[in-house]
Amino acid sequence: MSRPTRSSVILVPLLLAVIAAQALAEGNPNSVPIIYTTDLYHPHDDPDDHFDLATLFAIPEFDLRAVVIDTGQRGKDRPGILPVRQMIHVTGRDVPVAAGLIDNIKHQCDPALNRPDPEQAGVKLILDVLRKADKPVTVFTTGSLRDVAAAYNRDRALLKQKVARIYINVGHSAGGPEHNVGLDRHAYVRILGSDLPVYWVPCFGGDGFYSHWHFRQGDVLDAAPLPVQNFFVYCLTRANADQRDPIKSLTDPIDPAVKQKIWDGKRNMWCTGAFLHAAGRCDPTFTFEKVTVHLGNDGKTRITRPGDGLEVMTFHHADPDAYAKAMTDTLRSLLSKAGSAK
């Protein structure tokens, strides 16, 4: 999965607060407080992260407490602050944002305290939100686990007390290599093997223990309001603020040729089902099953026989076609309503 300058994005509330939707979530005792970490860049590496961001903001059950950009070397000059600004504007849901660590943790227990101050904002935001949380928080990760692992290594007791669940969208359930593991192997091993309540969402694997699915973009975007459509047009045309104002462009008419090209494009996805599960929504096409996972220090993982590894709640679907259809239909429905409560 997975360019405003890094110096400008240490920790920023991204627009004047439009707080009605957020206050509604915080006032709902059944809402799910969320810390979201994502390797979201602009221009993108893989725009599935933009679809995931829109999904996060579109789910009303979520009380968004923080977005942490999983920066790394790949994103150090282009953390995705701009698309978060756009989504705040579209939905009216304000959320603090921080860009995280650039270099990998050096070993599994590394707290990354020796990194420059500008890189510490992501880890500090995670810890700050957890310390102030009035109830346990769900942590939802895409990309590497670098900032979460550093936070865990700094205050393991806090994370044990305040993390209700941690969804990690990373890995391969049948021993193969996987991109997100390679982003920071030590962080992956640290969190998957930790004493936190891990919900593992392997990107790839076998026997239904993987989350990958795909769709035609137009099948989801056709139903979305114009600002949501323009959010994706801005992303997929790799526009920048020097060319087009990122906020004003949300209400621009869309060039028919540009629209046709984007609508016909295919999009690989991984995280949608786990978002629904985190929100407490039931979907019959997937579940989480407790299985035994062999975890190597090299980051390779495979489901194995009981007694030969860790017991981990793991994403599973039985019918890939039914699963993909359900995810497409649900994503279409969610994005069709994005911003309607603003």
Protein backbone atom coordinates (compact mmCIF):
# COMPACT_ATOMS: atom_id res chain seq x y z
CA MET A 1 0.00 0.00 0.00
CA SER A 2 1.00 1.78 0.14
CA ARG A 3 3.86 17.15 -1.08
CA PRO A 4 3.65 19.81 1.16
CA THR A 5 7.07 20.20 2.77
CA ARG A 6 7.72 18.21 5.89
CA SER A 7 8.66 21.30 7.90
CA SER A 8 5.14 22.65 7.50
CA VAL A 9 3.28 19.62 8.76
CA ILE A 10 4.58 18.72 12.19
CA LEU A 11 1.24 18.73 13.98
CA VAL A 12 -1.64 20.71 12.61
CA PRO A 13 -5.34 21.07 13.02
CA LEU A 14 -6.03 21.42 9.35
CA LEU A 15 -8.83 23.97 9.03
CA LEU A 16 -10.85 26.17 11.34
CA ALA A 17 -12.81 23.64 13.35
CA VAL A 18 -16.08 22.58 11.83
CA ILE A 19 -17.00 20.45 14.82
CA ALA A 20 -20.68 19.54 14.61
CA ALA A 21 -20.16 16.02 13.26
CA GLN A 22 -17.24 15.38 15.58
CA ALA A 23 -19.16 16.57 18.63
CA LEU A 24 -21.99 14.26 17.66
CA ALA A 25 -19.61 11.30 17.56
CA GLU A 26 -18.00 12.21 20.87
CA GLY A 27 -21.41 12.60 22.48
CA ASN A 28 -22.50 9.14 21.38
CA PRO A 29 -21.55 6.62 24.08
CA ASN A 30 -21.51 3.87 21.45
CA SER A 31 -19.06 5.65 19.15
CA VAL A 32 -15.68 4.04 18.51
CA PRO A 33 -12.68 6.30 19.22
CA ILE A 34 -10.09 5.80 16.48
CA ILE A 35 -6.41 6.50 16.01
CA TYR A 36 -5.57 5.95 12.35
CA THR A 37 -2.05 5.52 10.98
CA THR A 38 -1.62 5.49 7.22
CA ASP A 39 1.10 5.65 4.57
CA LEU A 40 -0.94 8.32 2.80
CA TYR A 41 1.08 10.49 0.45
CA HIS A 42 0.30 13.19 -2.07
CA PRO A 43 1.15 12.58 -4.84
CA HIS A 44 0.28 9.01 -3.99
CA ASP A 45 2.18 5.77 -4.20
CA ASP A 46 -1.07 3.80 -4.22
CA PRO A 47 -4.41 5.67 -4.08
CA ASP A 48 -6.07 2.89 -2.11
CA ASP A 49 -4.94 5.04 0.83
CA HIS A 50 -7.17 7.88 -0.39
CA PHE A 51 -10.13 5.50 -0.63
CA ASP A 52 -9.36 4.30 2.89
CA LEU A 53 -9.19 7.86 4.19
CA ALA A 54 -12.58 8.65 2.66
CA THR A 55 -13.99 5.45 4.17
CA LEU A 56 -12.67 6.38 7.61
CA PHE A 57 -14.33 9.80 7.44
CA ALA A 58 -17.57 8.38 6.01
CA ILE A 59 -18.27 5.90 8.83
CA PRO A 60 -20.42 7.74 11.39
CA GLU A 61 -19.68 5.27 14.18
CA PHE A 62 -16.07 6.46 14.30
CA ASP A 63 -14.96 9.19 16.71
CA LEU A 64 -11.78 10.33 14.95
CA ARG A 65 -9.14 11.17 17.55
CA ALA A 66 -5.97 11.29 15.39
CA VAL A 67 -4.51 10.65 11.96
CA VAL A 68 -0.80 9.82 11.89
CA ILE A 69 0.98 9.82 8.55
CA ASP A 70 3.29 6.79 8.37
CA THR A 71 5.97 8.86 6.68
CA GLY A 72 9.09 6.76 6.21
CA GLN A 73 11.75 7.53 3.64
CA ARG A 74 9.21 7.17 0.82
CA GLY A 75 6.93 9.88 2.15
CA LYS A 76 9.26 12.33 3.84
CA ASP A 77 8.74 15.03 1.19
CA ARG A 78 5.04 14.35 0.55
CA PRO A 79 3.05 13.35 3.66
CA GLY A 80 -0.66 13.31 2.84
CA ILE A 81 -1.72 16.37 4.79
CA LEU A 82 -3.48 17.86 1.77
CA PRO A 83 -6.00 15.03 1.25
CA VAL A 84 -6.78 15.07 4.97
CA ARG A 85 -7.50 18.83 4.68
CA GLN A 86 -9.85 18.07 1.81
CA MET A 87 -11.69 15.32 3.68
CA ILE A 88 -12.11 17.54 6.74
CA HIS A 89 -13.64 20.18 4.47
CA VAL A 90 -15.95 17.66 2.75
CA THR A 91 -17.24 16.06 5.95
CA GLY A 92 -16.83 18.74 8.61
CA ARG A 93 -15.09 16.21 10.86
CA ASP A 94 -12.05 17.87 12.40
CA VAL A 95 -9.13 15.68 13.48
CA PRO A 96 -5.55 16.42 14.60
CA VAL A 97 -2.89 15.16 12.20
CA ALA A 98 0.82 14.49 12.60
CA ALA A 99 3.56 13.23 10.33
CA GLY A 100 5.59 10.41 11.85
CA LEU A 101 9.04 8.86 11.94
CA ILE A 102 11.18 8.73 8.82
CA ASP A 103 13.75 6.06 9.66
CA ASN A 104 12.82 2.54 10.71
CA ILE A 105 13.16 1.45 14.29
CA LYS A 106 16.60 -0.10 14.75
CA HIS A 107 15.45 -3.18 16.64
CA GLN A 108 12.19 -4.57 18.02
CA CYS A 109 12.45 -2.71 21.35
CA ASP A 110 13.65 0.63 19.92
CA PRO A 111 11.58 3.59 21.27
CA ALA A 112 13.08 5.89 18.59
CA LEU A 113 13.74 8.61 21.15
CA ASN A 114 16.92 9.75 19.39
CA ARG A 115 15.16 10.97 16.24
CA PRO A 116 14.88 14.72 15.48
CA ASP A 117 12.00 16.56 17.15
CA PRO A 118 10.11 17.15 13.87
CA GLU A 119 9.83 13.37 13.43
CA GLN A 120 8.42 12.78 16.91
CA ALA A 121 4.99 14.33 16.30
CA GLY A 122 3.29 11.10 15.23
CA VAL A 123 4.41 9.03 18.21
CA LYS A 124 3.67 11.90 20.59
CA LEU A 125 0.17 12.29 19.16
CA ILE A 126 -0.57 8.59 19.62
CA LEU A 127 0.56 8.70 23.25
CA ASP A 128 -1.21 11.99 23.94
CA VAL A 129 -4.54 10.75 22.59
CA LEU A 130 -4.30 7.54 24.60
CA ARG A 131 -3.43 9.37 27.82
CA LYS A 132 -6.41 11.70 27.44
CA ALA A 133 -8.84 9.02 26.25
CA ASP A 134 -11.98 8.62 28.33
CA LYS A 135 -12.39 5.04 27.14
CA PRO A 136 -10.27 2.47 25.28
CA VAL A 137 -9.31 3.45 21.75
CA THR A 138 -9.21 1.38 18.58
CA VAL A 139 -5.96 1.76 16.65
CA PHE A 140 -6.23 1.12 12.94
CA THR A 141 -3.04 0.83 10.91
CA THR A 142 -2.15 0.70 7.23
CA GLY A 143 1.40 0.71 5.88
CA SER A 144 4.14 0.06 8.40
CA LEU A 145 3.74 -0.12 12.18
CA ARG A 146 6.71 2.17 12.85
CA ASP A 147 5.05 4.88 14.95
CA VAL A 148 2.80 2.47 16.84
CA ALA A 149 5.76 0.23 17.69
CA ALA A 150 7.76 3.22 18.96
CA ALA A 151 4.79 4.31 21.08
CA TYR A 152 4.46 0.79 22.47
CA ASN A 153 8.15 0.68 23.30
CA ARG A 154 7.90 4.01 25.16
CA ASP A 155 4.84 3.20 27.24
CA ARG A 156 3.76 -0.41 26.99
CA ALA A 157 1.53 -0.14 30.07
CA LEU A 158 -0.41 2.76 28.55
CA LEU A 159 -1.11 0.91 25.32
CA LYS A 160 -2.09 -2.21 27.26
CA GLN A 161 -4.56 -0.15 29.27
CA LYS A 162 -5.98 2.12 26.57
CA VAL A 163 -5.95 0.13 23.30
CA ALA A 164 -9.24 -1.69 22.84
CA ARG A 165 -8.14 -3.32 19.58
CA ILE A 166 -5.37 -2.80 17.07
CA TYR A 167 -6.11 -3.69 13.46
CA ILE A 168 -2.92 -4.25 11.48
CA ASN A 169 -3.42 -4.36 7.72
CA VAL A 170 -0.12 -5.92 6.78
CA GLY A 171 1.47 -9.27 6.05
CA HIS A 172 1.03 -12.57 4.22
CA SER A 173 -0.74 -15.50 5.85
CA ALA A 174 1.07 -18.20 3.86
CA GLY A 175 4.71 -17.23 4.34
CA GLY A 176 5.17 -15.01 1.30
CA PRO A 177 6.79 -11.57 1.13
CA GLU A 178 4.55 -8.52 1.55
CA HIS A 179 5.23 -4.85 0.84
CA ASN A 180 4.07 -3.38 4.15
CA VAL A 181 6.17 -5.80 6.19
CA GLY A 182 9.21 -4.64 4.26
CA LEU A 183 8.53 -1.02 5.21
CA ASP A 184 9.65 -1.79 8.78
CA ARG A 185 10.16 -5.44 9.61
CA HIS A 186 11.10 -4.87 13.26
CA ALA A 187 7.94 -2.84 13.88
CA TYR A 188 5.76 -5.54 12.32
CA VAL A 189 7.28 -8.32 14.40
CA ARG A 190 7.05 -6.20 17.55
CA ILE A 191 3.33 -5.47 17.25
CA LEU A 192 2.10 -8.77 15.81
CA GLY A 193 3.96 -10.57 18.60
CA SER A 194 2.92 -8.13 21.31
CA ASP A 195 0.46 -8.54 24.18
CA LEU A 196 -1.96 -6.05 22.59
CA PRO A 197 -5.40 -7.20 21.32
CA VAL A 198 -4.26 -7.63 17.72
CA TYR A 199 -6.71 -8.12 14.85
CA TRP A 200 -4.51 -9.23 11.96
CA VAL A 201 -5.60 -8.41 8.41
CA PRO A 202 -3.14 -10.11 6.05
CA CYS A 203 -3.01 -8.39 2.69
CA PHE A 204 -2.34 -11.66 0.86
CA GLY A 205 -2.28 -15.37 1.64
CA GLY A 206 -4.24 -18.54 1.10
CA ASP A 207 -7.46 -20.28 2.10
CA GLY A 208 -9.35 -17.00 2.45
CA PHE A 209 -6.97 -15.59 5.06
CA TYR A 210 -6.34 -12.37 3.15
CA SER A 211 -8.19 -9.11 2.65
CA HIS A 212 -7.38 -8.12 -0.95
CA TRP A 213 -10.25 -7.27 -3.32
CA HIS A 214 -10.72 -4.92 -6.27
CA PHE A 215 -13.38 -2.92 -8.06
CA ARG A 216 -14.00 -0.59 -11.00
CA GLN A 217 -13.76 2.95 -9.63
CA GLY A 218 -16.87 4.21 -11.39
CA ASP A 219 -18.97 1.52 -9.70
CA VAL A 220 -18.25 3.25 -6.39
CA LEU A 221 -17.81 6.88 -7.41
CA ASP A 222 -20.94 7.22 -9.54
CA ALA A 223 -23.09 7.55 -6.42
CA ALA A 224 -20.78 9.95 -4.57
CA PRO A 225 -21.55 13.69 -4.26
CA LEU A 226 -19.46 16.03 -6.39
CA PRO A 227 -16.99 17.05 -3.65
CA VAL A 228 -16.17 13.39 -2.97
CA GLN A 229 -15.75 12.72 -6.68
CA ASN A 230 -13.45 15.72 -6.95
CA PHE A 231 -11.44 14.49 -3.96
CA PHE A 232 -10.52 11.43 -6.01
CA VAL A 233 -10.06 13.37 -9.25
CA TYR A 234 -7.58 15.64 -7.47
CA CYS A 235 -5.71 12.61 -6.16
CA LEU A 236 -5.74 10.52 -9.32
CA THR A 237 -4.68 13.38 -11.59
CA ARG A 238 -1.82 14.07 -9.15
CA ALA A 239 -2.81 17.71 -8.89
CA ASN A 240 -0.96 20.03 -6.55
CA ALA A 241 -1.78 23.26 -4.77
CA ASP A 242 0.28 25.32 -7.23
CA GLN A 243 -1.90 24.08 -10.08
CA ARG A 244 -5.33 23.88 -8.45
CA ASP A 245 -6.64 25.04 -5.11
CA PRO A 246 -7.32 21.82 -3.19
CA ILE A 247 -10.45 23.16 -1.48
CA LYS A 248 -12.02 25.25 -4.23
CA SER A 249 -11.48 22.42 -6.71
CA LEU A 250 -13.82 20.17 -4.71
CA THR A 251 -16.82 21.88 -6.30
CA ASP A 252 -15.42 22.26 -9.82
CA PRO A 253 -17.16 20.57 -12.75
CA ILE A 254 -15.29 17.43 -13.82
CA ASP A 255 -13.98 17.21 -17.36
CA PRO A 256 -15.90 14.32 -19.03
CA ALA A 257 -12.75 12.80 -20.55
CA VAL A 258 -10.93 12.88 -17.22
CA LYS A 259 -13.95 11.40 -15.50
CA GLN A 260 -14.29 8.56 -18.00
CA LYS A 261 -10.64 7.60 -17.63
CA ILE A 262 -10.82 7.59 -13.84
CA TRP A 263 -14.18 5.84 -13.67
CA ASP A 264 -12.90 3.03 -15.92
CA GLY A 265 -9.84 2.47 -13.73
CA LYS A 266 -9.53 -0.53 -11.42
CA ARG A 267 -8.59 -0.18 -7.77
CA ASN A 268 -7.04 -2.78 -5.49
CA MET A 269 -8.18 -2.56 -1.87
CA TRP A 270 -7.43 -4.24 1.45
CA CYS A 271 -8.85 -2.41 4.47
CA THR A 272 -12.59 -1.94 3.93
CA GLY A 273 -13.77 -5.05 5.73
CA ALA A 274 -11.61 -4.33 8.75
CA PHE A 275 -13.04 -0.79 8.92
CA LEU A 276 -16.54 -2.25 9.06
CA HIS A 277 -15.54 -4.72 11.75
CA ALA A 278 -13.92 -1.95 13.81
CA ALA A 279 -17.15 0.05 13.55
CA GLY A 280 -19.15 -2.92 14.89
CA ARG A 281 -20.91 -3.58 11.59
CA CYS A 282 -21.73 -7.17 10.73
CA ASP A 283 -21.06 -8.48 7.24
CA PRO A 284 -21.67 -12.17 6.48
CA THR A 285 -18.94 -12.37 3.83
CA PHE A 286 -16.00 -12.18 6.26
CA THR A 287 -15.11 -12.75 9.88
CA PHE A 288 -12.14 -12.85 12.24
CA GLU A 289 -11.02 -16.29 13.39
CA LYS A 290 -8.54 -17.15 16.10
CA VAL A 291 -5.76 -19.10 14.39
CA THR A 292 -2.18 -20.05 15.18
CA VAL A 293 0.42 -17.98 13.37
CA HIS A 294 4.12 -18.71 13.10
CA LEU A 295 6.00 -15.40 13.25
CA GLY A 296 9.66 -15.28 12.26
CA ASN A 297 12.09 -12.52 13.14
CA ASP A 298 12.44 -12.00 9.38
CA GLY A 299 8.81 -10.86 9.31
CA LYS A 300 7.53 -13.92 7.48
CA THR A 301 4.23 -15.22 8.78
CA ARG A 302 2.17 -18.29 8.05
CA ILE A 303 -0.85 -19.92 9.57
CA THR A 304 0.20 -23.17 11.19
CA ARG A 305 -1.04 -25.92 13.48
CA PRO A 306 -2.15 -25.15 17.06
CA GLY A 307 0.70 -25.02 19.53
CA ASP A 308 3.25 -23.95 16.90
CA GLY A 309 2.96 -20.17 17.25
CA LEU A 310 0.88 -17.21 18.38
CA GLU A 311 -2.90 -17.25 18.64
CA VAL A 312 -4.11 -14.27 16.64
CA MET A 313 -7.54 -13.05 15.57
CA THR A 314 -7.18 -13.17 11.78
CA PHE A 315 -9.31 -11.88 8.90
CA HIS A 316 -11.00 -14.59 6.81
CA HIS A 317 -13.48 -14.83 3.96
CA ALA A 318 -14.92 -17.99 2.42
CA ASP A 319 -16.19 -16.69 -0.93
CA PRO A 320 -13.95 -14.10 -2.62
CA ASP A 321 -16.58 -13.07 -5.17
CA ALA A 322 -19.29 -12.50 -2.56
CA TYR A 323 -16.79 -10.66 -0.38
CA ALA A 324 -15.69 -8.35 -3.22
CA LYS A 325 -19.29 -7.58 -4.18
CA ALA A 326 -20.24 -6.80 -0.59
CA MET A 327 -17.25 -4.50 -0.15
CA THR A 328 -18.01 -2.70 -3.40
CA ASP A 329 -21.67 -2.20 -2.47
CA THR A 330 -20.79 -1.02 1.02
CA LEU A 331 -18.10 1.38 -0.13
CA ARG A 332 -20.47 2.83 -2.73
CA SER A 333 -23.10 3.36 -0.03
CA LEU A 334 -20.68 4.95 2.42
CA LEU A 335 -19.19 7.38 -0.08
CA SER A 336 -22.64 8.32 -1.38
CA LYS A 337 -23.41 9.75 2.07
CA ALA A 338 -20.00 11.28 2.83
CA GLY A 339 -20.43 14.88 3.89
CA SER A 340 -24.22 14.66 4.17
CA ALA A 341 -24.13 15.45 7.91
CA LYS A 342 -21.98 18.56 7.43
